[in-house]
Amino acid sequence: MQYCLAETISWAVMTIKAECFANLVLKLVLAAAVYCIWTERNQRIFKNIYVDAVAKQKQISLTYESTCVLYPYCLQMRIMV
């Protein structure tokens, strides 16, 4: 079954409302994936650079991990992640 990005974001907005830890992790993973897909799209369109799926998956993982590391600092400074 295929899902489009708009459907996934719509589902997340409607479903992930409680501020428990599991929902926070899910929000961060979704945000990291959307960001990496968006940067991949821009690289393909504007720079004609293509990255394979394994490398993109690693980039999503690194983006998520760095967000998790910075999250406590952002909360302390009241910065939105």
Protein backbone atom coordinates (compact mmCIF):
# COMPACT_ATOMS: atom_id res chain seq x y z
CA MET A 1 0.00 0.00 0.00
CA GLN A 2 1.39 3.41 -0.94
CA TYR A 3 0.93 6.58 1.08
CA CYS A 4 1.56 10.07 -0.12
CA LEU A 5 3.29 12.64 2.06
CA ALA A 6 0.17 14.79 2.40
CA GLU A 7 -1.83 11.83 3.73
CA THR A 8 0.91 10.98 6.22
CA ILE A 9 1.14 14.54 7.52
CA SER A 10 -2.65 14.80 7.73
CA TRP A 11 -2.76 11.55 9.70
CA ALA A 12 0.00 12.75 12.04
CA VAL A 13 -1.73 16.08 12.74
CA MET A 14 -5.00 14.33 13.57
CA THR A 15 -3.48 11.44 15.54
CA ILE A 16 -0.38 12.61 17.39
CA LYS A 17 -1.75 15.10 19.91
CA ALA A 18 -0.82 13.87 23.38
CA GLU A 19 2.52 15.01 24.76
CA CYS A 20 3.79 11.60 25.83
CA PHE A 21 7.32 10.46 25.01
CA ALA A 22 6.26 8.01 22.29
CA ASN A 23 4.35 10.73 20.45
CA LEU A 24 7.31 13.09 20.75
CA VAL A 25 9.58 10.47 19.18
CA LEU A 26 7.07 9.87 16.40
CA LYS A 27 6.85 13.61 15.69
CA LEU A 28 10.64 13.90 15.55
CA VAL A 29 10.99 10.93 13.20
CA LEU A 30 8.30 12.30 10.90
CA ALA A 31 9.90 15.76 10.91
CA ALA A 32 13.33 14.29 10.12
CA ALA A 33 11.91 12.21 7.26
CA VAL A 34 10.00 15.14 5.76
CA TYR A 35 13.07 17.38 5.97
CA CYS A 36 15.33 14.81 4.30
CA ILE A 37 12.81 14.07 1.55
CA TRP A 38 12.43 17.81 0.92
CA THR A 39 16.22 18.32 0.67
CA GLU A 40 16.50 15.32 -1.67
CA ARG A 41 13.80 16.80 -3.89
CA ASN A 42 15.60 20.14 -4.03
CA GLN A 43 18.93 18.50 -4.84
CA ARG A 44 17.37 16.53 -7.67
CA ILE A 45 15.59 19.54 -9.15
CA PHE A 46 18.18 22.29 -8.71
CA LYS A 47 21.55 20.48 -8.60
CA ASN A 48 20.82 17.25 -10.50
CA ILE A 49 22.25 15.23 -7.57
CA TYR A 50 20.70 11.88 -6.72
CA VAL A 51 21.24 9.97 -3.46
CA ASP A 52 20.42 6.28 -3.10
CA ALA A 53 17.83 5.05 -0.61
CA VAL A 54 20.33 3.61 1.88
CA ALA A 55 22.23 6.89 2.13
CA LYS A 56 18.94 8.80 2.51
CA GLN A 57 17.86 6.44 5.28
CA LYS A 58 21.15 7.11 7.11
CA GLN A 59 20.62 10.86 6.67
CA ILE A 60 17.13 10.61 8.19
CA SER A 61 18.54 8.63 11.11
CA LEU A 62 21.33 11.16 11.72
CA THR A 63 18.89 14.07 11.49
CA TYR A 64 16.61 12.39 14.03
CA GLU A 65 19.52 11.60 16.38
CA SER A 66 20.87 15.15 16.27
CA THR A 67 17.39 16.51 16.97
CA CYS A 68 17.08 14.23 20.00
CA VAL A 69 20.45 15.41 21.30
CA LEU A 70 19.49 19.08 20.88
CA TYR A 71 15.91 18.73 22.15
CA PRO A 72 16.61 19.27 25.89
CA TYR A 73 18.63 22.40 25.07
CA CYS A 74 15.85 23.69 22.83
CA LEU A 75 13.30 23.15 25.61
CA GLN A 76 15.48 25.05 28.02
CA MET A 77 15.92 27.94 25.56
CA ARG A 78 12.26 27.72 24.45
CA ILE A 79 13.22 27.10 20.82
CA MET A 80 10.87 25.09 18.60
CA VAL A 81 12.43 21.99 17.01
